[in-house]
Amino acid sequence: MANYKFGASSRKHQHLRPNNLVMWEAIRECIKRGSRKFSFGRTATDNKGLLQFKRSWNPQEGKVHYYKYDLRKNSFLTKSIRVKGFYNEIFNVTPIPVLRLVGAAVYKHLG
């Protein structure tokens, strides 16, 4: 299975649909390498633009439930878990060149 993990787009060039071409080529390459499934990954339900993009490929959708287990209390926590973090606010105001530098340094260490 192949997984779509990270992507980005520029509103300035969105009308050209470059992400559609990149995704199409990625899917073709994955098929060529033997993948029979392609996961578009998770998306927060309030991220309407990304949901619209992913849904345009007619994927099989499903819910992903998150649970947090407290080892000290030996039980699951009952509060809901925020998938969106404070870092999203930071990313929104950080200049692109800085994000690229940080991404180049950090990305290789992410699962």
Protein backbone atom coordinates (compact mmCIF):
# COMPACT_ATOMS: atom_id res chain seq x y z
CA MET A 1 0.00 0.00 0.00
CA ALA A 2 1.17 3.52 -0.77
CA ASN A 3 0.38 6.43 1.58
CA TYR A 4 -0.02 10.11 0.77
CA LYS A 5 1.52 11.80 3.78
CA PHE A 6 2.15 15.50 3.19
CA GLY A 7 1.21 17.99 0.52
CA ALA A 8 0.95 21.69 -0.05
CA SER A 9 -0.49 24.10 -2.55
CA SER A 10 -0.31 27.73 -3.52
CA ARG A 11 -3.56 29.62 -3.89
CA LYS A 12 -1.88 31.71 -6.58
CA HIS A 13 -1.50 28.67 -8.84
CA GLN A 14 -4.41 26.52 -7.67
CA HIS A 15 -6.41 27.25 -10.81
CA LEU A 16 -3.78 25.27 -12.76
CA ARG A 17 -4.40 22.21 -10.55
CA PRO A 18 -0.74 21.22 -10.17
CA ASN A 19 -1.56 18.99 -7.19
CA ASN A 20 -3.89 16.94 -9.37
CA LEU A 21 -1.05 16.23 -11.78
CA VAL A 22 1.37 15.41 -8.97
CA MET A 23 -1.17 13.05 -7.37
CA TRP A 24 -1.96 11.38 -10.70
CA GLU A 25 1.73 10.77 -11.38
CA ALA A 26 2.26 9.50 -7.82
CA ILE A 27 -0.58 7.00 -8.20
CA ARG A 28 0.77 5.84 -11.58
CA GLU A 29 4.25 5.38 -10.10
CA CYS A 30 2.89 3.43 -7.14
CA ILE A 31 0.96 1.12 -9.46
CA LYS A 32 4.10 0.63 -11.55
CA ARG A 33 5.97 -0.37 -8.37
CA GLY A 34 3.33 -2.90 -7.39
CA SER A 35 1.02 -1.03 -5.02
CA ARG A 36 -2.61 -2.00 -5.26
CA LYS A 37 -3.90 0.45 -2.66
CA PHE A 38 -3.30 4.16 -2.28
CA SER A 39 -4.26 5.88 0.96
CA PHE A 40 -4.93 9.61 0.88
CA GLY A 41 -4.32 9.70 4.63
CA ARG A 42 -6.31 11.33 7.36
CA THR A 43 -7.93 14.74 7.16
CA ALA A 44 -9.60 16.80 9.85
CA THR A 45 -13.32 17.13 9.16
CA ASP A 46 -13.11 20.93 9.30
CA ASN A 47 -10.45 21.06 6.54
CA LYS A 48 -12.96 21.56 3.73
CA GLY A 49 -10.45 22.32 0.97
CA LEU A 50 -8.35 19.22 1.56
CA LEU A 51 -11.46 17.06 1.94
CA GLN A 52 -12.76 18.39 -1.38
CA PHE A 53 -9.44 17.63 -3.10
CA LYS A 54 -9.24 14.10 -1.71
CA ARG A 55 -12.91 13.36 -2.38
CA SER A 56 -12.46 14.38 -6.01
CA TRP A 57 -10.48 11.12 -6.41
CA ASN A 58 -13.47 9.12 -5.15
CA PRO A 59 -11.60 7.39 -2.30
CA GLN A 60 -13.06 4.87 0.08
CA GLU A 61 -13.61 6.92 3.24
CA GLY A 62 -13.62 5.81 6.83
CA LYS A 63 -13.32 7.32 10.28
CA VAL A 64 -10.13 7.10 12.30
CA HIS A 65 -10.73 7.06 16.03
CA TYR A 66 -8.02 8.12 18.45
CA TYR A 67 -7.74 6.93 22.00
CA LYS A 68 -5.26 7.87 24.67
CA TYR A 69 -4.26 5.39 27.33
CA ASP A 70 -2.86 6.54 30.67
CA LEU A 71 -0.33 3.95 31.84
CA ARG A 72 -0.26 5.36 35.37
CA LYS A 73 -4.02 5.08 35.82
CA ASN A 74 -4.24 1.92 33.71
CA SER A 75 -7.23 3.27 31.83
CA PHE A 76 -8.28 5.14 28.73
CA LEU A 77 -8.73 8.88 29.03
CA THR A 78 -12.28 10.01 28.44
CA LYS A 79 -11.56 13.48 27.05
CA SER A 80 -11.51 13.85 23.29
CA ILE A 81 -8.10 14.23 21.73
CA ARG A 82 -7.23 17.20 19.56
CA VAL A 83 -5.67 16.07 16.30
CA LYS A 84 -5.02 19.67 15.32
CA GLY A 85 -2.25 21.20 17.35
CA PHE A 86 -1.01 24.63 18.29
CA TYR A 87 1.72 24.22 15.69
CA ASN A 88 -0.80 24.83 12.89
CA GLU A 89 -1.13 28.42 14.05
CA ILE A 90 2.66 28.77 14.02
CA PHE A 91 2.93 27.25 10.52
CA ASN A 92 0.36 29.71 9.20
CA VAL A 93 2.50 32.73 10.09
CA THR A 94 5.98 31.32 9.47
CA PRO A 95 7.65 32.44 6.21
CA ILE A 96 7.92 29.72 3.54
CA PRO A 97 11.76 29.74 3.41
CA VAL A 98 11.89 29.05 7.16
CA LEU A 99 9.34 26.23 6.81
CA ARG A 100 11.44 24.69 4.02
CA LEU A 101 14.57 24.74 6.17
CA VAL A 102 12.77 23.22 9.13
CA GLY A 103 11.09 20.65 6.88
CA ALA A 104 14.39 19.58 5.33
CA ALA A 105 15.90 19.10 8.78
CA VAL A 106 12.92 17.41 10.46
CA TYR A 107 11.07 15.43 7.77
CA LYS A 108 13.57 12.57 7.59
CA HIS A 109 12.97 11.90 11.30
CA LEU A 110 9.18 11.56 10.98
CA GLY A 111 7.55 8.15 10.73
